[in-house]
């Protein structure tokens, strides 16, 4: 179906409005499933991810380089990997660590010490949040092991451990720790609420000792505790966000230099059951070819490929979840002359999740504006008006 943009009402050419209230009040949605273009901000993402073949590579026991352009689903795959690892309540399942640089300067290469410190700090943040979701992992430790965990957490987290324990004790909600340490970390399975006060009390029961200045040794100690005393399996280092800075966006070679520090140690890490999973912009791939990839042909690589069918299913799945299973498509809210709305939206957008979500939001905003406080079904004119706004943005 084609949409006549020329016949779109001029009255809808207004600045885009947030359509959350419209979806909740008029359509009965529990939330706006199209609101967050950035996957890490969407706390419901795990409920409506659709599968790509490449997802298996993201949680397999191997290092991998996974490419996509901006808005192409890299962060969504990282979040999927985190939540897939934690689906098991116990046993030696993989332990995911989000490795997201706080900043990247033009002189992007990390020194060896800075690399191990970054790795140790990222792992400490992942461990504290993970223990808040699975308190029994800490509560079952022997005192000497528990003391070492406390020492490492206290010395590596951005603030003293007691600060985060107080937050957990006051709210009994691991999500409040994640908001401060890794916003993408949200598990479907809730923690044992009885054990959370026990965890807080146990963590505060040890007086932290100062850490060694040897960043690599601190990392090794933390890794060994995770893989032995705490009972986890391999560690997945999920490197993401390298293209999220002005310098790296315009100069992907800066991101490539930062990544090379991870690749330099990749073989050593893999020998200890630690796997690098790097989610990278497509522009980085040719930059690595001469410097690294030709000499390491066994390193797994893949490009995220979104078909129109998968993108349309992404929208339908969001409608299904947000409507509490009452609707499986925007067709349920559309005029009888308008069908297969999701396919129409995908066909007129760039073939990447972020662009499709942005276009869908523009259409919903146009629908809301035209409705002007009265209920009306979604019509072709709304899609046309949304397309105009989408292309102006």
Protein backbone atom coordinates (compact mmCIF):
# COMPACT_ATOMS: atom_id res chain seq x y z
CA UNK A 1 0.00 0.00 0.00
CA UNK A 2 1.34 3.45 -0.85
CA UNK A 3 0.50 6.56 1.14
CA UNK A 4 -0.20 9.87 -0.56
CA UNK A 5 1.94 12.36 1.34
CA UNK A 6 0.55 15.27 -0.62
CA UNK A 7 -2.91 14.73 0.86
CA UNK A 8 -1.75 14.70 4.48
CA UNK A 9 -3.48 17.33 6.58
CA UNK A 10 -1.37 20.45 7.23
CA UNK A 11 -2.87 20.59 10.71
CA UNK A 12 -0.79 17.58 11.74
CA UNK A 13 2.52 19.25 10.88
CA UNK A 14 3.20 20.14 14.48
CA UNK A 15 6.22 19.34 16.66
CA UNK A 16 6.01 15.69 17.65
CA UNK A 17 4.32 15.10 20.99
CA UNK A 18 4.86 12.30 23.45
CA UNK A 19 2.04 9.86 22.76
CA UNK A 20 2.37 7.92 26.00
CA UNK A 21 -0.79 9.35 27.58
CA UNK A 22 -2.73 8.69 24.39
CA UNK A 23 -1.67 5.05 24.26
CA UNK A 24 -2.41 4.46 27.92
CA UNK A 25 -5.67 6.34 28.26
CA UNK A 26 -7.23 5.77 24.85
CA UNK A 27 -5.88 2.38 23.82
CA UNK A 28 -5.39 0.82 27.22
CA UNK A 29 -1.67 0.19 26.84
CA UNK A 30 0.26 -0.43 30.04
CA UNK A 31 3.11 1.74 28.70
CA UNK A 32 4.40 3.23 25.48
CA UNK A 33 6.44 0.46 23.84
CA UNK A 34 7.81 2.85 21.19
CA UNK A 35 9.01 5.59 23.51
CA UNK A 36 12.64 4.59 23.90
CA UNK A 37 14.73 4.69 20.75
CA UNK A 38 17.80 3.85 22.82
CA UNK A 39 17.48 0.23 23.94
CA UNK A 40 19.34 0.68 27.23
CA UNK A 41 16.61 3.03 28.48
CA UNK A 42 13.76 0.59 27.84
CA UNK A 43 13.12 -1.49 30.94
CA UNK A 44 10.64 -3.69 29.07
CA UNK A 45 12.96 -4.56 26.21
CA UNK A 46 13.49 -8.14 27.30
CA UNK A 47 9.76 -8.84 26.98
CA UNK A 48 9.54 -8.05 23.29
CA UNK A 49 12.89 -8.76 21.71
CA UNK A 50 12.60 -10.66 18.46
CA UNK A 51 15.27 -13.14 17.53
CA UNK A 52 18.02 -12.73 14.99
CA UNK A 53 20.13 -15.66 13.92
CA UNK A 54 23.17 -13.75 15.15
CA UNK A 55 21.84 -13.72 18.72
CA UNK A 56 23.23 -17.22 19.22
CA UNK A 57 26.75 -15.90 18.63
CA UNK A 58 26.24 -13.29 21.33
CA UNK A 59 25.74 -15.88 24.06
CA UNK A 60 27.85 -18.74 22.75
CA UNK A 61 31.06 -19.71 24.51
CA UNK A 62 33.30 -17.87 22.06
CA UNK A 63 34.65 -14.38 21.51
CA UNK A 64 32.87 -12.48 18.75
CA UNK A 65 32.72 -9.19 16.91
CA UNK A 66 29.15 -8.19 16.07
CA UNK A 67 28.59 -5.25 13.70
CA UNK A 68 25.66 -2.98 12.90
CA UNK A 69 25.20 0.69 11.98
CA UNK A 70 23.94 3.20 14.51
CA UNK A 71 20.43 2.24 15.60
CA UNK A 72 20.90 -1.26 14.23
CA UNK A 73 20.28 -3.22 17.42
CA UNK A 74 23.72 -3.56 19.03
CA UNK A 75 22.63 -2.44 22.48
CA UNK A 76 19.45 -4.50 22.24
CA UNK A 77 21.58 -7.57 21.59
CA UNK A 78 23.79 -6.77 24.58
CA UNK A 79 20.73 -6.51 26.80
CA UNK A 80 19.34 -9.73 25.35
CA UNK A 81 22.63 -11.44 26.15
CA UNK A 82 22.61 -10.23 29.76
CA UNK A 83 19.09 -11.45 30.37
CA UNK A 84 19.63 -14.74 28.55
CA UNK A 85 22.63 -15.50 30.75
CA UNK A 86 20.58 -14.94 33.90
CA UNK A 87 17.56 -17.01 32.91
CA UNK A 88 18.87 -19.87 35.03
CA UNK A 89 18.28 -19.39 38.73
CA UNK A 90 21.34 -21.40 39.68
CA UNK A 91 24.26 -23.40 38.41
CA UNK A 92 27.32 -22.29 36.47
CA UNK A 93 25.57 -20.12 33.90
CA UNK A 94 27.63 -17.44 32.10
CA UNK A 95 28.29 -14.21 33.95
CA UNK A 96 27.75 -11.14 31.71
CA UNK A 97 29.67 -7.90 32.25
CA UNK A 98 28.70 -4.67 30.47
CA UNK A 99 31.93 -2.96 29.41
CA UNK A 100 30.79 0.53 28.43
CA UNK A 101 33.47 3.24 28.41
CA UNK A 102 32.50 6.35 30.39
CA UNK A 103 34.32 8.47 27.80
CA UNK A 104 36.70 8.04 24.91
CA UNK A 105 39.23 10.71 24.06
CA UNK A 106 41.09 11.24 20.82
CA UNK A 107 44.07 9.39 22.32
CA UNK A 108 41.79 6.42 22.80
CA UNK A 109 44.26 3.60 23.45
CA UNK A 110 44.21 2.35 27.05
CA UNK A 111 47.36 1.64 28.98
CA UNK A 112 47.63 -1.91 30.27
CA UNK A 113 46.92 -0.85 33.85
CA UNK A 114 43.96 1.32 32.77
CA UNK A 115 42.56 -1.63 30.82
CA UNK A 116 42.65 -4.04 33.76
CA UNK A 117 41.25 -1.38 36.09
CA UNK A 118 38.37 -0.70 33.67
CA UNK A 119 37.71 -4.42 33.41
CA UNK A 120 37.79 -4.92 37.18
CA UNK A 121 35.47 -1.98 37.83
CA UNK A 122 32.98 -3.09 35.17
CA UNK A 123 32.96 -6.61 36.60
CA UNK A 124 32.49 -5.35 40.17
CA UNK A 125 29.42 -3.36 39.10
CA UNK A 126 27.94 -6.39 37.34
CA UNK A 127 28.62 -8.58 40.37
CA UNK A 128 26.93 -6.32 42.90
CA UNK A 129 23.78 -6.05 40.78
CA UNK A 130 23.84 -9.79 40.13
CA UNK A 131 24.13 -10.56 43.84
CA UNK A 132 21.19 -8.27 44.55
CA UNK A 133 19.09 -10.39 42.16
CA UNK A 134 20.53 -13.67 43.47
CA UNK A 135 21.45 -13.03 47.14
CA UNK A 136 22.01 -16.71 47.88
CA UNK A 137 25.20 -16.65 45.81
CA UNK A 138 26.82 -14.45 48.47
CA UNK A 139 25.01 -15.81 51.50
CA UNK A 140 26.38 -19.30 50.92
CA UNK A 141 30.05 -18.17 50.87
CA UNK A 142 32.53 -19.05 53.56
CA UNK A 143 33.66 -16.05 55.61
CA UNK A 144 37.07 -15.74 53.96
CA UNK A 145 35.55 -15.77 50.50
CA UNK A 146 32.87 -13.29 51.51
CA UNK A 147 35.51 -10.97 52.97
CA UNK A 148 37.45 -10.95 49.70
CA UNK A 149 34.30 -10.20 47.70
CA UNK A 150 33.55 -7.26 50.01
CA UNK A 151 37.13 -5.98 49.70
CA UNK A 152 36.99 -6.05 45.92
CA UNK A 153 33.54 -4.51 45.63
CA UNK A 154 34.39 -1.74 48.04
CA UNK A 155 37.65 -0.92 46.29
CA UNK A 156 36.39 -1.09 42.72
CA UNK A 157 32.89 0.39 42.73
CA UNK A 158 32.53 4.13 42.02
CA UNK A 159 31.37 4.78 45.62
CA UNK A 160 31.97 2.82 48.84
CA UNK A 161 30.10 -0.48 49.02
CA UNK A 162 28.13 0.73 52.06
CA UNK A 163 26.54 3.43 49.91
CA UNK A 164 25.00 0.86 47.56
CA UNK A 165 24.06 -1.50 50.37
CA UNK A 166 22.14 1.31 52.07
CA UNK A 167 20.21 1.90 48.83
CA UNK A 168 19.38 -1.78 48.59
CA UNK A 169 18.39 -2.04 52.26
CA UNK A 170 16.12 1.02 52.01
CA UNK A 171 14.31 0.00 48.83
CA UNK A 172 14.76 -3.79 48.59
CA UNK A 173 14.86 -3.22 44.85
CA UNK A 174 17.91 -4.29 42.77
CA UNK A 175 16.74 -2.02 39.97
CA UNK A 176 17.81 0.98 42.04
CA UNK A 177 21.37 -0.32 42.02
CA UNK A 178 21.21 -0.95 38.28
CA UNK A 179 20.10 2.62 37.63
CA UNK A 180 23.37 3.77 39.20
CA UNK A 181 25.69 1.12 37.78
CA UNK A 182 24.21 -0.39 34.58
CA UNK A 183 20.78 0.79 33.47
CA UNK A 184 20.42 -2.14 31.07
CA UNK A 185 20.61 -4.70 33.87
CA UNK A 186 17.04 -5.76 34.62
CA UNK A 187 16.09 -9.39 35.05
CA UNK A 188 12.64 -10.92 34.63
CA UNK A 189 13.02 -13.08 37.72
CA UNK A 190 12.60 -11.09 40.90
CA UNK A 191 14.97 -11.76 43.81
CA UNK A 192 14.01 -13.55 46.98
CA UNK A 193 12.70 -10.60 49.01
CA UNK A 194 13.36 -12.35 52.30
CA UNK A 195 17.02 -12.73 51.38
CA UNK A 196 17.61 -9.10 50.40
CA UNK A 197 17.77 -7.76 54.00
CA UNK A 198 19.99 -10.74 54.83
CA UNK A 199 22.30 -9.82 51.97
CA UNK A 200 22.52 -6.20 53.06
CA UNK A 201 23.29 -7.19 56.62
CA UNK A 202 25.88 -9.75 55.51
CA UNK A 203 27.69 -7.29 53.24
CA UNK A 204 27.86 -4.69 56.01
CA UNK A 205 29.11 -7.31 58.44
CA UNK A 206 32.61 -7.25 56.92
CA UNK A 207 35.04 -4.35 57.30
CA UNK A 208 36.62 -3.77 53.86
CA UNK A 209 40.39 -3.98 53.62
CA UNK A 210 42.39 -1.76 51.21
CA UNK A 211 43.02 -3.22 47.78
CA UNK A 212 46.35 -3.81 46.13
CA UNK A 213 47.40 -1.23 43.53
CA UNK A 214 47.89 -4.08 41.04
CA UNK A 215 44.81 -3.71 38.84
CA UNK A 216 45.40 -6.93 36.94
CA UNK A 217 45.68 -8.93 40.16
CA UNK A 218 42.48 -7.40 41.47
CA UNK A 219 40.75 -8.43 38.24
CA UNK A 220 42.16 -11.95 38.48
CA UNK A 221 40.98 -12.29 42.07
CA UNK A 222 37.52 -11.11 41.12
CA UNK A 223 37.33 -13.44 38.13
CA UNK A 224 38.39 -16.46 40.16
CA UNK A 225 35.84 -15.75 42.87
CA UNK A 226 33.09 -15.45 40.29
CA UNK A 227 34.02 -18.67 38.55
CA UNK A 228 34.75 -20.75 41.65
CA UNK A 229 33.33 -19.65 45.01
CA UNK A 230 30.31 -17.89 43.54
CA UNK A 231 29.61 -20.76 41.15
CA UNK A 232 29.31 -18.99 37.80
CA UNK A 233 30.59 -20.24 34.46
CA UNK A 234 32.43 -18.27 31.79
CA UNK A 235 32.51 -14.48 31.83
CA UNK A 236 31.14 -12.56 28.85
CA UNK A 237 32.72 -9.13 28.43
CA UNK A 238 30.03 -7.19 26.51
CA UNK A 239 31.85 -4.25 24.95
CA UNK A 240 29.35 -1.67 23.73
CA UNK A 241 28.95 2.05 23.22
CA UNK A 242 32.20 2.73 21.38
CA UNK A 243 30.31 4.72 18.73
CA UNK A 244 28.39 6.75 21.31
CA UNK A 245 30.82 9.67 21.49
CA UNK A 246 31.31 12.63 19.16
CA UNK A 247 34.93 11.72 18.43
CA UNK A 248 34.27 8.06 17.67
CA UNK A 249 31.09 8.78 15.69
CA UNK A 250 33.04 10.86 13.18
CA UNK A 251 36.33 8.98 13.53
CA UNK A 252 35.74 5.21 13.92
CA UNK A 253 39.50 4.63 13.98
CA UNK A 254 39.47 6.01 17.53
CA UNK A 255 37.00 3.32 18.57
CA UNK A 256 39.14 0.73 16.80
CA UNK A 257 42.20 1.74 18.85
CA UNK A 258 40.22 1.40 22.08
CA UNK A 259 38.90 -1.99 21.02
CA UNK A 260 42.38 -3.25 20.20
CA UNK A 261 43.28 -3.40 23.88
CA UNK A 262 40.53 -5.99 24.40
CA UNK A 263 41.66 -7.93 21.36
CA UNK A 264 45.29 -7.81 22.47
CA UNK A 265 44.38 -9.84 25.55
CA UNK A 266 41.61 -11.89 23.93
CA UNK A 267 43.60 -15.14 23.77
CA UNK A 268 44.72 -14.84 27.41
CA UNK A 269 41.19 -14.09 28.53
CA UNK A 270 39.68 -16.95 26.54
CA UNK A 271 42.14 -19.38 28.15
CA UNK A 272 40.53 -18.56 31.52
CA UNK A 273 36.95 -18.87 30.29
CA UNK A 274 36.49 -15.16 29.58
CA UNK A 275 35.06 -14.19 26.19
CA UNK A 276 35.02 -10.78 24.53
CA UNK A 277 31.71 -9.90 22.84
CA UNK A 278 32.17 -6.57 21.05
CA UNK A 279 29.12 -4.80 19.61
CA UNK A 280 30.59 -2.45 17.01
CA UNK A 281 29.60 0.03 14.33
CA UNK A 282 29.92 -1.29 10.80
CA UNK A 283 32.54 1.38 10.06
CA UNK A 284 35.00 -0.26 12.44
CA UNK A 285 35.15 -3.57 10.57
CA UNK A 286 37.42 -2.54 7.67
CA UNK A 287 39.72 -0.72 10.09
CA UNK A 288 40.39 -3.97 11.93
CA UNK A 289 41.03 -6.00 8.82
CA UNK A 290 44.70 -5.14 8.34
CA UNK A 291 45.60 -4.58 11.98
CA UNK A 292 44.09 -7.70 13.48
CA UNK A 293 41.58 -9.80 11.60
CA UNK A 294 43.91 -11.13 8.89
CA UNK A 295 46.10 -12.63 11.61
CA UNK A 296 43.14 -13.99 13.61
CA UNK A 297 40.82 -15.59 11.04
CA UNK A 298 39.22 -17.83 13.68
CA UNK A 299 37.68 -14.91 15.57
CA UNK A 300 33.93 -15.07 15.00
CA UNK A 301 32.31 -12.11 13.23
CA UNK A 302 28.81 -11.31 12.08
CA UNK A 303 26.71 -8.41 10.81
CA UNK A 304 23.22 -7.83 12.22
CA UNK A 305 20.72 -8.26 9.41
CA UNK A 306 17.17 -7.05 9.94
CA UNK A 307 14.66 -8.27 7.38
CA UNK A 308 11.39 -6.37 6.83
CA UNK A 309 9.55 -9.32 8.34
CA UNK A 310 11.60 -9.16 11.55
CA UNK A 311 11.16 -5.40 11.87
CA UNK A 312 7.40 -5.72 11.41
CA UNK A 313 7.34 -8.47 14.02
CA UNK A 314 9.28 -6.17 16.35
CA UNK A 315 6.40 -3.66 16.23
CA UNK A 316 3.72 -6.33 16.61
CA UNK A 317 5.47 -7.84 19.60
CA UNK A 318 5.60 -4.45 21.31
CA UNK A 319 1.89 -3.92 20.72
CA UNK A 320 1.15 -7.37 22.11
CA UNK A 321 3.13 -6.83 25.32
CA UNK A 322 2.02 -3.24 25.96
CA UNK A 323 -1.66 -4.11 25.37
CA UNK A 324 -1.42 -6.95 27.91
CA UNK A 325 -1.94 -9.54 25.15
CA UNK A 326 -5.21 -7.97 23.97
CA UNK A 327 -3.88 -6.96 20.54
CA UNK A 328 -1.20 -8.42 18.33
CA UNK A 329 -1.00 -5.63 15.79
CA UNK A 330 -1.85 -1.96 15.25
CA UNK A 331 -4.46 -3.31 12.85
CA UNK A 332 -6.69 -3.80 15.91
CA UNK A 333 -6.91 0.00 16.25
CA UNK A 334 -7.02 0.87 12.54
CA UNK A 335 -9.72 1.72 10.00
CA UNK A 336 -10.94 -1.30 8.04
CA UNK A 337 -9.28 0.08 4.89
CA UNK A 338 -5.89 0.04 6.62
CA UNK A 339 -4.36 -3.37 7.16
CA UNK A 340 -0.89 -4.79 7.83
CA UNK A 341 0.13 -1.50 9.37
CA UNK A 342 3.50 -2.79 10.56
CA UNK A 343 4.59 -3.78 7.06
CA UNK A 344 3.63 -0.33 5.78
CA UNK A 345 5.67 1.38 8.50
CA UNK A 346 8.71 -0.77 7.83
CA UNK A 347 8.52 -0.27 4.07
CA UNK A 348 8.72 3.51 4.46
CA UNK A 349 11.51 3.59 7.03
CA UNK A 350 15.21 2.84 7.06
CA UNK A 351 15.75 -0.89 7.74
CA UNK A 352 16.96 -0.55 11.33
CA UNK A 353 15.11 -0.81 14.64
CA UNK A 354 15.76 2.75 15.82
CA UNK A 355 14.48 4.29 12.60
CA UNK A 356 11.37 2.09 12.60
CA UNK A 357 10.61 3.04 16.21
CA UNK A 358 11.08 6.73 15.42
CA UNK A 359 8.73 6.49 12.44
CA UNK A 360 6.13 4.57 14.45
CA UNK A 361 6.23 7.23 17.16
CA UNK A 362 5.76 9.94 14.54
CA UNK A 363 2.67 8.16 13.21
CA UNK A 364 1.24 7.74 16.70
CA UNK A 365 1.82 11.43 17.42
CA UNK A 366 0.05 12.38 14.21
CA UNK A 367 -2.86 10.10 15.13
CA UNK A 368 -3.08 11.66 18.58
CA UNK A 369 -3.11 15.20 17.18
CA UNK A 370 -5.82 14.42 14.63
CA UNK A 371 -7.96 12.72 17.26
CA UNK A 372 -7.98 15.90 19.36
CA UNK A 373 -9.55 14.36 22.46
CA UNK A 374 -12.01 12.07 20.71
CA UNK A 375 -11.54 8.43 19.82
CA UNK A 376 -10.77 7.68 16.21
CA UNK A 377 -9.19 4.77 14.46
CA UNK A 378 -5.74 4.93 12.90
CA UNK A 379 -6.01 5.98 9.25
CA UNK A 380 -3.81 6.40 6.19
CA UNK A 381 -3.67 10.15 6.75
CA UNK A 382 -1.93 9.55 10.08
CA UNK A 383 0.74 7.43 8.41
CA UNK A 384 1.22 10.12 5.78
CA UNK A 385 1.52 12.88 8.38
CA UNK A 386 3.90 10.80 10.47
CA UNK A 387 6.04 10.20 7.38
CA UNK A 388 6.38 13.93 6.78
CA UNK A 389 7.48 14.58 10.35
CA UNK A 390 9.81 11.60 10.30
CA UNK A 391 11.56 12.84 7.17
CA UNK A 392 11.88 16.36 8.52
CA UNK A 393 13.60 15.20 11.70
